[in-house]
Amino acid sequence: MAKPKKKGKKDAKQHPNQVNLKIVTSGTCIVCKQPCTRGMEYVEKMAQPGAIGFGVPCILTKPRV
């Protein structure tokens, strides 16, 4: 009896121009030397009591080509 063919995982390739940015927390944004608007808005949001956050993508961690 023949074995069934194995289905390999599909390779989830990214678009060549897409970059991966690191997700940083508000603590990283507070001490950043070059604060961005997205980071400062996130810091303000996290300053509220009971706020739950998952971080924001940091443009300064973009890999250099």
C-alpha atoms as a PDB file:
ATOM      1  CA  MET A   1       0.000   0.000   0.000  1.00  0.00           C
ATOM      2  CA  ALA A   2       1.392   3.385  -1.002  1.00  0.00           C
ATOM      3  CA  LYS A   3       1.900   6.065   1.607  1.00  0.00           C
ATOM      4  CA  PRO A   4      -0.040   9.296   1.112  1.00  0.00           C
ATOM      5  CA  LYS A   5       1.989  12.270  -0.009  1.00  0.00           C
ATOM      6  CA  LYS A   6       3.007  14.591   2.778  1.00  0.00           C
ATOM      7  CA  LYS A   7       1.721  18.101   2.501  1.00  0.00           C
ATOM      8  CA  GLY A   8       4.463  20.539   3.343  1.00  0.00           C
ATOM      9  CA  LYS A   9       3.850  23.825   5.074  1.00  0.00           C
ATOM     10  CA  LYS A  10       3.287  26.675   2.716  1.00  0.00           C
ATOM     11  CA  ASP A  11       6.099  29.171   2.893  1.00  0.00           C
ATOM     12  CA  ALA A  12       4.608  32.431   4.160  1.00  0.00           C
ATOM     13  CA  LYS A  13       7.014  34.790   2.479  1.00  0.00           C
ATOM     14  CA  GLN A  14       6.827  38.463   3.149  1.00  0.00           C
ATOM     15  CA  HIS A  15       6.708  41.080   0.490  1.00  0.00           C
ATOM     16  CA  PRO A  16      10.312  42.092  -0.367  1.00  0.00           C
ATOM     17  CA  ASN A  17       9.682  45.711   0.683  1.00  0.00           C
ATOM     18  CA  GLN A  18       8.035  44.821   4.007  1.00  0.00           C
ATOM     19  CA  VAL A  19      10.135  45.388   7.117  1.00  0.00           C
ATOM     20  CA  ASN A  20       9.890  43.881  10.578  1.00  0.00           C
ATOM     21  CA  LEU A  21       9.825  46.385  13.411  1.00  0.00           C
ATOM     22  CA  LYS A  22      10.364  45.474  17.040  1.00  0.00           C
ATOM     23  CA  ILE A  23       7.432  45.875  19.398  1.00  0.00           C
ATOM     24  CA  VAL A  24       8.460  48.076  22.315  1.00  0.00           C
ATOM     25  CA  THR A  25       6.727  48.908  25.577  1.00  0.00           C
ATOM     26  CA  SER A  26       6.022  52.301  27.088  1.00  0.00           C
ATOM     27  CA  GLY A  27       9.138  52.029  29.267  1.00  0.00           C
ATOM     28  CA  THR A  28      11.296  51.961  26.158  1.00  0.00           C
ATOM     29  CA  CYS A  29       9.421  54.909  24.654  1.00  0.00           C
ATOM     30  CA  ILE A  30       9.912  56.994  27.808  1.00  0.00           C
ATOM     31  CA  VAL A  31      13.724  56.713  27.704  1.00  0.00           C
ATOM     32  CA  CYS A  32      14.006  56.995  23.911  1.00  0.00           C
ATOM     33  CA  LYS A  33      16.432  59.657  22.677  1.00  0.00           C
ATOM     34  CA  GLN A  34      14.314  60.348  19.579  1.00  0.00           C
ATOM     35  CA  PRO A  35      10.669  60.260  20.712  1.00  0.00           C
ATOM     36  CA  CYS A  36       8.128  59.767  17.961  1.00  0.00           C
ATOM     37  CA  THR A  37       4.462  60.756  17.996  1.00  0.00           C
ATOM     38  CA  ARG A  38       3.249  57.147  18.011  1.00  0.00           C
ATOM     39  CA  GLY A  39       5.420  56.327  21.014  1.00  0.00           C
ATOM     40  CA  MET A  40       4.410  59.415  22.964  1.00  0.00           C
ATOM     41  CA  GLU A  41       0.717  58.729  22.354  1.00  0.00           C
ATOM     42  CA  TYR A  42       1.269  55.203  23.627  1.00  0.00           C
ATOM     43  CA  VAL A  43       3.007  56.508  26.768  1.00  0.00           C
ATOM     44  CA  GLU A  44       0.055  58.813  27.452  1.00  0.00           C
ATOM     45  CA  LYS A  45      -2.373  55.936  26.937  1.00  0.00           C
ATOM     46  CA  MET A  46      -0.433  53.698  29.329  1.00  0.00           C
ATOM     47  CA  ALA A  47      -0.375  56.446  31.972  1.00  0.00           C
ATOM     48  CA  GLN A  48      -4.132  56.014  32.458  1.00  0.00           C
ATOM     49  CA  PRO A  49      -5.126  53.768  35.400  1.00  0.00           C
ATOM     50  CA  GLY A  50      -6.072  50.262  34.294  1.00  0.00           C
ATOM     51  CA  ALA A  51      -4.635  50.617  30.797  1.00  0.00           C
ATOM     52  CA  ILE A  52      -3.657  47.418  29.017  1.00  0.00           C
ATOM     53  CA  GLY A  53      -1.134  47.639  26.218  1.00  0.00           C
ATOM     54  CA  PHE A  54       0.687  45.298  23.931  1.00  0.00           C
ATOM     55  CA  GLY A  55       3.399  47.677  22.742  1.00  0.00           C
ATOM     56  CA  VAL A  56       3.912  49.665  19.575  1.00  0.00           C
ATOM     57  CA  PRO A  57       6.148  49.045  16.545  1.00  0.00           C
ATOM     58  CA  CYS A  58       9.277  51.147  16.834  1.00  0.00           C
ATOM     59  CA  ILE A  59      10.466  52.743  13.593  1.00  0.00           C
ATOM     60  CA  LEU A  60      13.942  53.220  15.085  1.00  0.00           C
ATOM     61  CA  THR A  61      14.473  49.436  15.190  1.00  0.00           C
ATOM     62  CA  LYS A  62      14.103  49.077  11.423  1.00  0.00           C
ATOM     63  CA  PRO A  63      16.856  46.810  10.064  1.00  0.00           C
ATOM     64  CA  ARG A  64      19.379  48.600   7.907  1.00  0.00           C
ATOM     65  CA  VAL A  65      19.748  47.386   4.362  1.00  0.00           C
END
